[in-house]
Each structure stands twice: as structure tokens, then as C-alpha cells.
Amino acid sequence: MTSKSNRRDFTRAQAQTHVTITTQDGAEVSGQARDVSLSGLFVQAGSPIGKLPSGAACQVSVSLPGAAVPLSIHAAGRIVRCTDEGIAVEFCQVDEESMEHLRNLVRYNAADVAQVEEEIEDSVGLRRKKETLDDF
């Protein structure tokens, strides 16, 4: 999974689901997720985005289709980049229930489920165990 050209800690899964991003100043952008991982997502916005500043704090709401009761993933995040194609967001904090939904969303949409299972097993929340231990 981690080659010189792809040093991501978590697998991206193609997931077409509705996402709303709200910044601290109240700007709101909605669109479709292009891909999602255990650490963030990329949203293709249907309307002109404008430039959201990199590093800006935001709230993310991901609608989960198909459930009898409406389900959502709620996360605090930060804007990683904003382009004409969309917005990349890194998750900074996800509550326990939303984290379980996020794991399932990635698991059910990933091309390599075994790899995702390994990443879940080898993670502490939003970070890989190795990264957490190296921080000390």
C-alpha cells in the first residue's frame, strides 16, 4: 500500500455520498464524495467553491444512504486543499459512533477489504499505531 509514490496511511475508497462542509465563519459547501479514507475525504462540489483557505477548521457531515434510519458521519476537520475540482479535508476528530460508520463506509467500498481491515487493526483512532508511537 505504501510505495514511494503513495505514502498514504489509509486506503482510499470510492464512495459516492453527499457531504456538507461548514467552516468556522459559516461558509457551507455541499457536494459528492469522490473518495474517502479513515483520515479524510475529497469532495467534488457542484457549485463554484471559491477559495477556502488551507488549514481552515471545518465541520464535515457525510450522509449515509440506504439505512432505514438516516445515518451520518460527523467530524471536525481541516481543509487540506481547495481546487477547481473540489476540497480535500483531513479528519481531526471523529466521535465513536461516527468512527464506526466511517470504518464501515470505507470497508464496504474499498477494492482491497483485507488491506482496510489491516489498517483498522493497526490504527488508534485516526492515526496508525506506528505514527502514534513515533510521536513520543
Protein backbone atom coordinates (compact mmCIF):
# COMPACT_ATOMS: atom_id res chain seq x y z
CA MET A 1 0.00 0.00 0.00
CA THR A 2 2.72 2.48 0.85
CA SER A 3 5.07 3.00 -2.07
CA LYS A 4 7.36 5.93 -2.78
CA SER A 5 4.61 7.47 -4.92
CA ASN A 6 1.81 6.82 -2.41
CA ARG A 7 2.67 7.37 1.23
CA ARG A 8 -0.90 7.48 2.50
CA ASP A 9 -1.57 5.80 5.82
CA PHE A 10 -5.08 4.70 4.85
CA THR A 11 -6.68 3.25 1.73
CA ARG A 12 -9.00 5.49 -0.26
CA ALA A 13 -12.37 4.02 -1.17
CA GLN A 14 -14.60 5.29 -3.95
CA ALA A 15 -17.79 6.35 -2.17
CA GLN A 16 -20.48 8.41 -3.84
CA THR A 17 -22.27 10.04 -0.94
CA HIS A 18 -23.48 13.54 -0.09
CA VAL A 19 -21.12 15.68 2.02
CA THR A 20 -21.56 19.10 3.62
CA ILE A 21 -18.55 21.10 4.79
CA THR A 22 -19.10 24.08 7.10
CA THR A 23 -16.25 26.41 8.03
CA GLN A 24 -15.96 28.32 11.30
CA ASP A 25 -17.07 31.53 9.59
CA GLY A 26 -20.28 29.83 8.40
CA ALA A 27 -19.38 29.18 4.76
CA GLU A 28 -21.08 25.97 3.62
CA VAL A 29 -20.19 23.81 0.64
CA SER A 30 -22.05 20.68 -0.40
CA GLY A 31 -21.09 18.05 -2.92
CA GLN A 32 -20.38 14.40 -3.59
CA ALA A 33 -17.51 12.50 -2.02
CA ARG A 34 -15.09 11.30 -4.69
CA ASP A 35 -13.16 9.18 -2.24
CA VAL A 36 -12.98 8.65 1.48
CA SER A 37 -10.44 7.13 3.86
CA LEU A 38 -10.16 6.70 7.61
CA SER A 39 -8.27 10.00 7.75
CA GLY A 40 -10.19 12.25 5.37
CA LEU A 41 -12.04 12.71 2.11
CA PHE A 42 -12.20 14.59 -1.17
CA VAL A 43 -15.45 16.34 -2.07
CA GLN A 44 -16.45 17.33 -5.58
CA ALA A 45 -18.57 20.44 -5.18
CA GLY A 46 -21.39 21.06 -7.63
CA SER A 47 -21.22 24.85 -7.42
CA PRO A 48 -18.35 27.32 -7.54
CA ILE A 49 -16.30 26.75 -4.42
CA GLY A 50 -14.33 29.91 -4.08
CA LYS A 51 -11.11 29.55 -2.19
CA LEU A 52 -11.34 28.04 1.26
CA PRO A 53 -8.01 28.60 2.99
CA SER A 54 -5.77 25.60 3.59
CA GLY A 55 -5.64 24.81 7.28
CA ALA A 56 -9.09 26.26 7.97
CA ALA A 57 -11.07 24.36 10.59
CA CYS A 58 -14.36 22.89 9.43
CA GLN A 59 -17.19 20.55 10.34
CA VAL A 60 -17.97 17.68 7.97
CA SER A 61 -21.25 15.81 7.65
CA VAL A 62 -21.39 12.71 5.42
CA SER A 63 -24.83 11.29 4.66
CA LEU A 64 -25.00 7.50 4.57
CA PRO A 65 -27.61 6.26 2.09
CA GLY A 66 -29.50 3.01 2.29
CA ALA A 67 -30.26 2.80 6.01
CA ALA A 68 -33.81 2.55 7.31
CA VAL A 69 -32.99 5.38 9.70
CA PRO A 70 -30.95 8.31 8.31
CA LEU A 71 -27.31 7.94 9.36
CA SER A 72 -24.46 10.43 9.12
CA ILE A 73 -20.79 10.69 9.90
CA HIS A 74 -19.89 13.87 11.77
CA ALA A 75 -16.29 15.00 12.05
CA ALA A 76 -14.20 18.01 12.87
CA GLY A 77 -11.62 18.56 10.19
CA ARG A 78 -9.32 20.95 8.40
CA ILE A 79 -9.12 21.98 4.78
CA VAL A 80 -6.02 20.46 3.20
CA ARG A 81 -6.52 22.00 -0.24
CA CYS A 82 -9.20 23.62 -2.35
CA THR A 83 -9.03 23.32 -6.16
CA ASP A 84 -11.40 23.73 -9.10
CA GLU A 85 -12.12 20.01 -8.75
CA GLY A 86 -13.11 20.11 -5.10
CA ILE A 87 -11.99 20.16 -1.50
CA ALA A 88 -9.67 17.79 0.38
CA VAL A 89 -10.38 17.54 4.12
CA GLU A 90 -8.36 15.82 6.83
CA PHE A 91 -10.38 14.49 9.76
CA CYS A 92 -9.11 15.80 13.11
CA GLN A 93 -11.76 14.43 15.45
CA VAL A 94 -14.50 11.85 14.95
CA ASP A 95 -16.82 10.63 17.70
CA GLU A 96 -17.00 6.89 18.40
CA GLU A 97 -20.31 6.23 16.61
CA SER A 98 -19.25 8.22 13.53
CA MET A 99 -15.89 6.41 13.50
CA GLU A 100 -17.67 3.07 13.33
CA HIS A 101 -19.80 4.34 10.42
CA LEU A 102 -16.65 5.67 8.72
CA ARG A 103 -14.89 2.31 9.08
CA ASN A 104 -17.90 0.56 7.57
CA LEU A 105 -18.19 3.05 4.70
CA VAL A 106 -14.53 2.54 3.76
CA ARG A 107 -14.71 -1.24 4.33
CA TYR A 108 -17.79 -1.68 2.11
CA ASN A 109 -16.45 0.49 -0.73
CA ALA A 110 -12.76 -0.48 -0.77
CA ALA A 111 -11.24 -2.51 -3.57
CA ASP A 112 -8.99 -4.36 -1.07
CA VAL A 113 -11.03 -5.12 2.05
CA ALA A 114 -8.18 -7.13 3.61
CA GLN A 115 -5.92 -4.07 3.43
CA VAL A 116 -8.59 -1.91 5.09
CA GLU A 117 -9.06 -4.50 7.84
CA GLU A 118 -5.29 -4.43 8.45
CA GLU A 119 -5.34 -0.62 8.63
CA ILE A 120 -8.24 -0.67 11.11
CA GLU A 121 -6.42 -3.24 13.24
CA ASP A 122 -3.22 -1.17 13.08
CA SER A 123 -4.80 2.17 13.99
CA VAL A 124 -5.55 4.18 17.06
CA GLY A 125 -8.45 6.42 16.13
CA LEU A 126 -7.45 8.50 13.11
CA ARG A 127 -3.74 7.60 13.18
CA ARG A 128 -1.71 4.47 12.57
CA LYS A 129 -0.17 2.92 15.71
CA LYS A 130 3.34 3.39 14.31
CA GLU A 131 2.72 7.12 13.84
CA THR A 132 1.34 7.43 17.37
CA LEU A 133 4.35 5.70 18.92
CA ASP A 134 6.83 7.73 16.85
CA ASP A 135 5.33 10.97 18.16
CA PHE A 136 6.66 10.36 21.68
